[in-house]
């Protein structure tokens, strides 16, 4: 998916030759690791070919995509609506760009019907926009206006739904902080001053941790995963912390904090979070916001545990070379918690079966992390990660050498 998104970004920038190269590479990787993404990646590749005025190449890509569909159906696999919609919208977009207006309108009307029946509102929004353009170019202005009005109405509906979800999520954080403050007032009024960090904060941390872990579990289930991922990320992050000589208390705090790294995904729309194909630029921007929202949610509790959790949630998608998000931090400017959780999150995501990909072997996933040393990950931390993984799986020592 990363390679496919890079190809799409290149195409959006007008760098069509690079987009074709990256797109072909993405298709090759998908055939091996994620066959269900092949058709949508081929559709993106077709659009890159059109950018080079290679209409024959685009047609070949669409033929390959439909052949891939036929092969999957013949093997008993059921095509997802999102799979079909991605290709149909690309076909409509290409037909529109090449002046085949009747074909574009016919294809997009079919896609609109499927999007409406399967509640893919983000794609439905784009289809209304494309149809408005096609009708306008054909001189069918009343139909173009109708599509534009439907686009505006749907956009308003999506925005309102997203705002409601964000408000509900923030209300949970507010309620938890209010409860914490009331408990603190009661404690002071009764004179129950307790000495020491553990005694002072344990109950507060336990109270809030349970609530936030439920929210983090909801984010995982919505993404088609299980809560095992959050626990596995926490355990691996703590082991890496121990391996680099961090204080045991800090490592155990990181074990709990890292479980909440993706809590902000509760506010990402299902149509984006569950999309099986490559994301649009707008969708990717929405996904990026989960880091910022996660920090806001977790910052509502003023203890060391939740300060660390907020820090990790905010920074675990930053890259060592500065090309990550949300702030493009690089090197040691990235908090240590984020640098460690980044490795643990990527490894476990690869080594765990998801609804959209197969489970990678331990060796494959470790090699992928190693390949990111110096670009995505801090090299010293990757070395520590490898030591941890060899301690877990001694057979890796021979496989990786």
Protein backbone atom coordinates (compact mmCIF):
# COMPACT_ATOMS: atom_id res chain seq x y z
CA UNK A 1 0.00 0.00 0.00
CA UNK A 2 2.89 2.38 0.73
CA UNK A 3 4.36 1.90 -2.75
CA UNK A 4 0.92 2.34 -4.30
CA UNK A 5 0.35 5.57 -2.38
CA UNK A 6 3.76 6.88 -3.46
CA UNK A 7 2.86 6.14 -7.08
CA UNK A 8 -0.41 7.98 -6.69
CA UNK A 9 1.31 10.99 -5.11
CA UNK A 10 3.79 11.11 -8.01
CA UNK A 11 0.89 11.02 -10.45
CA UNK A 12 -0.92 13.85 -8.65
CA UNK A 13 2.25 15.93 -8.91
CA UNK A 14 2.40 15.35 -12.66
CA UNK A 15 5.46 13.09 -12.35
CA UNK A 16 3.83 10.44 -14.51
CA UNK A 17 6.96 8.56 -15.59
CA UNK A 18 7.99 7.98 -11.97
CA UNK A 19 4.37 7.09 -11.14
CA UNK A 20 4.39 4.37 -13.82
CA UNK A 21 7.64 2.91 -12.47
CA UNK A 22 6.44 2.90 -8.86
CA UNK A 23 3.02 1.63 -9.92
CA UNK A 24 4.46 -1.37 -11.74
CA UNK A 25 6.61 -2.15 -8.71
CA UNK A 26 3.56 -1.87 -6.44
CA UNK A 27 1.58 -4.26 -8.67
CA UNK A 28 4.43 -6.79 -8.55
CA UNK A 29 4.59 -6.63 -4.75
CA UNK A 30 0.81 -6.90 -4.47
CA UNK A 31 0.71 -10.03 -6.65
CA UNK A 32 3.04 -11.65 -4.12
CA UNK A 33 1.84 -10.23 -0.80
CA UNK A 34 -1.66 -8.71 -1.25
CA UNK A 35 -3.42 -10.10 -4.36
CA UNK A 36 -6.69 -8.34 -3.51
CA UNK A 37 -4.99 -4.96 -4.16
CA UNK A 38 -3.79 -5.81 -7.68
CA UNK A 39 -6.87 -4.54 -9.55
CA UNK A 40 -7.01 -1.18 -7.76
CA UNK A 41 -3.26 -0.66 -8.22
CA UNK A 42 -3.62 -1.44 -11.93
CA UNK A 43 -6.38 1.17 -12.15
CA UNK A 44 -4.05 3.77 -10.62
CA UNK A 45 -1.34 2.67 -13.05
CA UNK A 46 -3.74 3.20 -15.95
CA UNK A 47 -4.21 6.82 -14.89
CA UNK A 48 -0.43 7.31 -14.80
CA UNK A 49 -0.21 5.95 -18.37
CA UNK A 50 -2.86 8.46 -19.46
CA UNK A 51 -0.68 11.21 -17.99
CA UNK A 52 2.01 10.10 -20.45
CA UNK A 53 -0.58 10.07 -23.28
CA UNK A 54 -0.14 6.29 -23.42
CA UNK A 55 -3.78 5.37 -23.91
CA UNK A 56 -2.93 1.86 -25.08
CA UNK A 57 -0.99 1.27 -21.86
CA UNK A 58 -3.97 2.48 -19.84
CA UNK A 59 -6.32 0.15 -21.70
CA UNK A 60 -3.96 -2.76 -21.05
CA UNK A 61 -3.97 -1.98 -17.32
CA UNK A 62 -7.77 -2.03 -17.18
CA UNK A 63 -7.80 -5.32 -19.12
CA UNK A 64 -5.34 -6.79 -16.60
CA UNK A 65 -7.50 -5.53 -13.72
CA UNK A 66 -10.63 -7.18 -15.08
CA UNK A 67 -8.69 -10.37 -15.84
CA UNK A 68 -7.54 -10.34 -12.22
CA UNK A 69 -11.17 -9.99 -11.11
CA UNK A 70 -12.21 -12.93 -13.29
CA UNK A 71 -9.42 -15.11 -11.91
CA UNK A 72 -10.33 -14.29 -8.32
CA UNK A 73 -14.04 -14.95 -8.91
CA UNK A 74 -13.28 -18.27 -10.63
CA UNK A 75 -11.26 -19.32 -7.57
CA UNK A 76 -14.32 -18.70 -5.37
CA UNK A 77 -13.30 -15.31 -3.98
CA UNK A 78 -15.99 -12.67 -3.57
CA UNK A 79 -15.02 -9.22 -4.84
CA UNK A 80 -15.54 -6.39 -2.39
CA UNK A 81 -17.59 -3.39 -3.54
CA UNK A 82 -14.63 -1.13 -2.74
CA UNK A 83 -12.46 -3.20 -5.10
CA UNK A 84 -14.93 -2.80 -7.94
CA UNK A 85 -15.62 0.86 -7.23
CA UNK A 86 -11.97 1.84 -7.31
CA UNK A 87 -11.52 0.43 -10.80
CA UNK A 88 -14.85 1.74 -12.11
CA UNK A 89 -14.13 5.28 -10.90
CA UNK A 90 -10.66 5.15 -12.48
CA UNK A 91 -12.19 3.98 -15.77
CA UNK A 92 -14.66 6.86 -15.64
CA UNK A 93 -11.91 9.34 -14.80
CA UNK A 94 -9.73 8.12 -17.68
CA UNK A 95 -12.63 8.22 -20.14
CA UNK A 96 -13.37 11.78 -19.03
CA UNK A 97 -9.75 12.86 -19.47
CA UNK A 98 -9.58 11.35 -22.95
CA UNK A 99 -12.81 13.00 -24.10
CA UNK A 100 -14.95 9.84 -24.20
CA UNK A 101 -17.84 11.53 -22.45
CA UNK A 102 -20.60 8.98 -23.14
CA UNK A 103 -18.41 6.15 -21.87
CA UNK A 104 -17.39 8.21 -18.83
CA UNK A 105 -21.01 9.00 -17.92
CA UNK A 106 -22.15 5.40 -18.39
CA UNK A 107 -19.32 4.02 -16.26
CA UNK A 108 -19.74 6.62 -13.52
CA UNK A 109 -23.51 6.12 -13.29
CA UNK A 110 -22.88 2.41 -12.72
CA UNK A 111 -20.28 3.24 -10.08
CA UNK A 112 -22.64 5.71 -8.41
CA UNK A 113 -25.35 3.06 -8.11
CA UNK A 114 -22.90 0.59 -6.52
CA UNK A 115 -21.49 3.25 -4.16
CA UNK A 116 -24.98 4.24 -3.04
CA UNK A 117 -26.05 0.61 -2.45
CA UNK A 118 -22.92 -0.21 -0.45
CA UNK A 119 -22.66 3.09 1.47
CA UNK A 120 -19.25 4.13 0.14
CA UNK A 121 -19.93 7.81 0.66
CA UNK A 122 -16.41 9.13 0.06
CA UNK A 123 -16.31 7.53 -3.39
CA UNK A 124 -19.90 8.61 -4.03
CA UNK A 125 -18.76 12.18 -3.37
CA UNK A 126 -16.03 11.93 -6.02
CA UNK A 127 -18.39 10.33 -8.54
CA UNK A 128 -20.89 13.20 -8.23
CA UNK A 129 -18.03 15.61 -8.91
CA UNK A 130 -16.85 13.70 -12.00
CA UNK A 131 -20.39 13.38 -13.36
CA UNK A 132 -20.94 17.12 -12.93
CA UNK A 133 -17.83 17.77 -15.03
CA UNK A 134 -18.85 15.23 -17.70
CA UNK A 135 -22.39 16.60 -18.02
CA UNK A 136 -21.08 20.16 -18.22
CA UNK A 137 -18.68 19.24 -21.01
CA UNK A 138 -21.58 17.64 -22.91
CA UNK A 139 -23.65 20.78 -22.49
CA UNK A 140 -26.17 19.04 -20.21
CA UNK A 141 -26.13 21.86 -17.68
CA UNK A 142 -29.25 20.97 -15.66
CA UNK A 143 -27.86 17.47 -15.01
CA UNK A 144 -24.47 18.95 -14.16
CA UNK A 145 -26.12 21.28 -11.64
CA UNK A 146 -28.04 18.37 -10.10
CA UNK A 147 -24.81 16.41 -9.59
CA UNK A 148 -23.11 19.44 -8.07
CA UNK A 149 -26.00 19.94 -5.63
CA UNK A 150 -25.92 16.26 -4.63
CA UNK A 151 -22.15 16.56 -4.13
CA UNK A 152 -22.60 19.54 -1.78
CA UNK A 153 -25.40 17.85 0.20
CA UNK A 154 -23.40 14.63 0.65
CA UNK A 155 -20.28 16.55 1.63
CA UNK A 156 -22.25 18.37 4.34
CA UNK A 157 -23.68 15.05 5.60
CA UNK A 158 -20.23 13.42 5.81
CA UNK A 159 -18.76 16.45 7.57
CA UNK A 160 -21.56 16.51 10.16
CA UNK A 161 -21.22 12.77 10.88
CA UNK A 162 -17.45 13.10 11.35
CA UNK A 163 -17.91 16.11 13.62
CA UNK A 164 -20.43 14.19 15.77
CA UNK A 165 -18.00 11.29 16.19
CA UNK A 166 -15.14 13.60 17.14
CA UNK A 167 -17.33 15.38 19.68
CA UNK A 168 -18.37 12.06 21.25
CA UNK A 169 -14.73 10.98 21.44
CA UNK A 170 -13.61 14.22 23.03
CA UNK A 171 -16.52 14.01 25.48
CA UNK A 172 -15.13 10.70 26.77
CA UNK A 173 -11.80 12.40 27.47
CA UNK A 174 -13.55 15.33 29.14
CA UNK A 175 -15.64 13.05 31.36
CA UNK A 176 -12.56 11.08 32.42
CA UNK A 177 -10.66 14.27 33.31
CA UNK A 178 -13.65 15.61 35.26
CA UNK A 179 -13.84 12.38 37.24
CA UNK A 180 -10.11 12.58 37.97
CA UNK A 181 -10.41 16.14 39.25
CA UNK A 182 -13.39 15.28 41.47
CA UNK A 183 -11.48 12.35 42.93
CA UNK A 184 -8.50 14.62 43.63
CA UNK A 185 -10.72 17.20 45.37
CA UNK A 186 -12.27 14.49 47.54
CA UNK A 187 -8.84 13.14 48.43
CA UNK A 188 -7.59 16.57 49.51
CA UNK A 189 -10.76 17.35 51.47
CA UNK A 190 -10.44 14.18 53.51
CA UNK A 191 -6.76 14.83 54.15
CA UNK A 192 -5.73 11.56 52.55
CA UNK A 193 -2.39 12.79 51.19
CA UNK A 194 -0.48 9.76 49.97
CA UNK A 195 3.30 9.71 49.63
CA UNK A 196 5.18 8.33 46.63
CA UNK A 197 4.42 8.20 42.91
CA UNK A 198 3.01 4.68 42.85
CA UNK A 199 0.57 5.26 45.66
CA UNK A 200 -0.41 8.70 44.36
CA UNK A 201 -0.99 7.78 40.72
CA UNK A 202 -1.74 4.05 40.50
CA UNK A 203 -5.50 4.31 40.95
CA UNK A 204 -5.80 7.28 38.60
CA UNK A 205 -3.76 5.51 35.91
CA UNK A 206 -5.68 2.26 36.31
CA UNK A 207 -9.03 4.04 36.14
CA UNK A 208 -8.22 5.96 32.97
CA UNK A 209 -6.20 3.16 31.37
CA UNK A 210 -9.19 0.84 31.41
CA UNK A 211 -11.41 3.46 29.77
CA UNK A 212 -8.86 4.39 27.11
CA UNK A 213 -7.95 0.77 26.38
CA UNK A 214 -11.61 0.12 25.62
CA UNK A 215 -11.53 3.04 23.20
CA UNK A 216 -8.29 1.77 21.63
CA UNK A 217 -9.86 -1.69 21.28
CA UNK A 218 -12.80 -0.10 19.48
CA UNK A 219 -10.38 1.51 17.02
CA UNK A 220 -8.74 -1.88 16.38
CA UNK A 221 -12.03 -3.73 15.90
CA UNK A 222 -13.29 -1.02 13.52
CA UNK A 223 -10.14 -1.57 11.47
CA UNK A 224 -10.86 -5.29 11.20
CA UNK A 225 -8.15 -6.25 13.70
CA UNK A 226 -8.07 -7.69 17.20
CA UNK A 227 -6.87 -6.20 20.47
CA UNK A 228 -3.82 -8.53 20.34
CA UNK A 229 -2.05 -5.93 18.20
CA UNK A 230 -2.10 -3.22 20.86
CA UNK A 231 -0.79 -5.58 23.53
CA UNK A 232 1.90 -6.97 21.23
CA UNK A 233 3.09 -3.47 20.33
CA UNK A 234 3.32 -2.59 24.02
CA UNK A 235 5.27 -5.74 24.90
CA UNK A 236 7.75 -5.33 22.04
CA UNK A 237 8.22 -1.61 22.75
CA UNK A 238 9.04 -2.38 26.39
CA UNK A 239 11.56 -5.07 25.38
CA UNK A 240 13.31 -2.65 23.01
CA UNK A 241 13.41 -0.11 25.83
CA UNK A 242 15.05 -2.66 28.13
CA UNK A 243 17.52 -3.61 25.36
CA UNK A 244 18.82 -0.03 25.05
CA UNK A 245 19.25 0.35 28.80
CA UNK A 246 16.23 2.47 29.73
CA UNK A 247 15.11 2.41 33.35
CA UNK A 248 12.79 -0.56 34.08
CA UNK A 249 10.09 1.77 35.44
CA UNK A 250 10.09 3.75 32.16
CA UNK A 251 9.97 0.56 30.08
CA UNK A 252 6.98 -0.79 31.98
CA UNK A 253 5.26 2.57 31.62
CA UNK A 254 5.93 2.41 27.86
CA UNK A 255 4.43 -1.11 27.76
CA UNK A 256 1.09 0.34 28.86
CA UNK A 257 1.37 3.65 26.99
CA UNK A 258 2.15 1.99 23.64
CA UNK A 259 -1.14 0.08 23.75
CA UNK A 260 -2.90 3.39 23.09
CA UNK A 261 -0.78 4.47 20.10
CA UNK A 262 -3.66 4.28 17.58
CA UNK A 263 -6.50 5.46 19.83
CA UNK A 264 -7.10 8.46 17.56
CA UNK A 265 -8.39 6.13 14.83
CA UNK A 266 -11.77 6.05 16.57
CA UNK A 267 -12.49 9.33 14.78
CA UNK A 268 -11.44 8.17 11.28
CA UNK A 269 -14.40 7.44 9.00
CA UNK A 270 -15.17 3.76 8.30
CA UNK A 271 -15.05 4.43 4.56
CA UNK A 272 -11.40 5.40 4.97
CA UNK A 273 -10.33 3.06 7.78
CA UNK A 274 -11.81 -0.03 6.08
CA UNK A 275 -10.87 0.86 2.49
CA UNK A 276 -9.01 -2.14 1.00
CA UNK A 277 -7.31 -0.21 -1.82
CA UNK A 278 -4.87 2.72 -1.92
CA UNK A 279 -6.07 5.91 -0.26
CA UNK A 280 -6.68 9.20 -2.02
CA UNK A 281 -4.64 12.20 -0.86
CA UNK A 282 -7.65 13.53 1.07
CA UNK A 283 -8.23 10.13 2.74
CA UNK A 284 -4.57 9.84 3.69
CA UNK A 285 -4.71 13.33 5.22
CA UNK A 286 -7.68 12.18 7.31
CA UNK A 287 -5.78 9.10 8.50
CA UNK A 288 -2.82 11.28 9.50
CA UNK A 289 -5.06 13.18 11.90
CA UNK A 290 -5.35 10.12 14.17
CA UNK A 291 -1.94 11.02 15.62
CA UNK A 292 -3.02 14.54 16.52
CA UNK A 293 -6.39 13.47 17.93
CA UNK A 294 -4.74 10.66 19.91
CA UNK A 295 -2.47 13.17 21.58
CA UNK A 296 -5.42 15.45 22.42
CA UNK A 297 -7.40 12.60 23.95
CA UNK A 298 -4.54 11.29 26.07
CA UNK A 299 -3.28 14.72 27.16
CA UNK A 300 -6.47 15.14 29.17
CA UNK A 301 -4.98 13.02 31.98
CA UNK A 302 -2.04 14.63 33.81
CA UNK A 303 0.09 11.66 34.86
CA UNK A 304 3.45 10.40 33.61
CA UNK A 305 1.84 7.35 32.02
CA UNK A 306 -0.61 9.34 29.95
CA UNK A 307 1.96 12.00 29.06
CA UNK A 308 4.09 9.20 27.62
CA UNK A 309 1.06 7.69 25.85
CA UNK A 310 0.15 11.05 24.31
CA UNK A 311 3.74 11.51 23.14
CA UNK A 312 3.86 8.05 21.50
CA UNK A 313 0.44 8.43 19.86
CA UNK A 314 1.52 11.76 18.39
CA UNK A 315 4.97 10.76 17.12
CA UNK A 316 4.95 7.08 16.12
CA UNK A 317 4.48 7.90 12.42
CA UNK A 318 7.42 10.31 12.27
CA UNK A 319 10.37 8.99 10.22
CA UNK A 320 14.03 9.16 11.18
CA UNK A 321 14.77 10.97 7.88
CA UNK A 322 12.01 13.56 8.44
CA UNK A 323 9.54 12.30 5.82
CA UNK A 324 6.88 11.11 8.28
CA UNK A 325 3.87 12.82 9.83
CA UNK A 326 2.22 14.78 11.40
CA UNK A 327 5.09 17.27 11.82
CA UNK A 328 7.96 15.99 9.69
CA UNK A 329 10.25 15.64 12.72
CA UNK A 330 13.58 13.92 12.13
CA UNK A 331 16.32 12.22 14.10
CA UNK A 332 16.47 12.82 17.82
CA UNK A 333 13.79 15.52 17.55
CA UNK A 334 11.34 12.60 17.51
CA UNK A 335 10.52 11.52 21.09
CA UNK A 336 12.16 8.23 22.08
CA UNK A 337 8.75 6.68 22.78
CA UNK A 338 7.64 7.43 19.20
CA UNK A 339 10.87 6.07 17.71
CA UNK A 340 10.46 2.79 19.59
CA UNK A 341 6.70 2.38 19.05
CA UNK A 342 7.19 3.04 15.31
CA UNK A 343 9.32 -0.11 15.05
CA UNK A 344 7.03 -2.22 17.23
CA UNK A 345 3.91 -1.08 15.36
CA UNK A 346 5.30 -1.76 11.86
CA UNK A 347 6.70 -5.15 12.83
CA UNK A 348 3.51 -6.42 14.45
CA UNK A 349 1.31 -5.01 11.66
CA UNK A 350 3.32 -7.04 9.14
CA UNK A 351 3.55 -10.19 11.26
CA UNK A 352 -0.20 -10.24 11.99
CA UNK A 353 -2.88 -11.33 9.55
CA UNK A 354 -5.24 -8.48 8.70
CA UNK A 355 -8.46 -8.37 6.70
CA UNK A 356 -6.52 -6.81 3.82
CA UNK A 357 -3.25 -8.81 3.85
CA UNK A 358 -1.64 -12.13 4.65
CA UNK A 359 0.49 -12.73 7.72
CA UNK A 360 4.21 -12.22 7.04
CA UNK A 361 6.71 -14.65 8.53
CA UNK A 362 8.78 -13.40 11.46
CA UNK A 363 11.91 -13.29 9.28
CA UNK A 364 10.17 -11.36 6.49
CA UNK A 365 8.81 -8.78 8.92
CA UNK A 366 12.17 -8.38 10.68
CA UNK A 367 13.96 -7.91 7.34
CA UNK A 368 11.46 -5.22 6.38
CA UNK A 369 12.16 -3.29 9.58
CA UNK A 370 15.91 -3.70 9.05
CA UNK A 371 15.55 -2.31 5.51
CA UNK A 372 14.07 0.87 7.01
CA UNK A 373 17.07 1.62 9.25
CA UNK A 374 18.31 5.12 8.54
CA UNK A 375 15.19 6.15 6.66
CA UNK A 376 12.09 5.21 8.63
CA UNK A 377 13.76 4.02 11.82
CA UNK A 378 16.70 4.99 14.05
CA UNK A 379 19.55 2.54 13.19
CA UNK A 380 20.56 1.97 16.84
CA UNK A 381 16.99 1.08 17.77
CA UNK A 382 16.74 -1.32 14.82
CA UNK A 383 19.84 -3.11 16.12
CA UNK A 384 18.21 -3.38 19.54
CA UNK A 385 15.00 -4.64 17.92
CA UNK A 386 16.94 -7.37 16.06
CA UNK A 387 18.56 -8.49 19.34
CA UNK A 388 15.13 -8.70 20.96
CA UNK A 389 13.73 -10.72 18.06
CA UNK A 390 16.69 -13.13 18.05
CA UNK A 391 16.20 -13.62 21.80
CA UNK A 392 12.55 -14.45 21.07
CA UNK A 393 13.34 -16.59 18.01
CA UNK A 394 16.94 -17.95 18.16
CA UNK A 395 16.61 -19.47 14.68
CA UNK A 396 16.55 -15.94 13.26
CA UNK A 397 20.27 -15.57 13.97
CA UNK A 398 21.07 -17.89 11.05
CA UNK A 399 18.25 -16.61 8.81
CA UNK A 400 19.31 -12.98 9.12
CA UNK A 401 23.06 -13.51 8.82
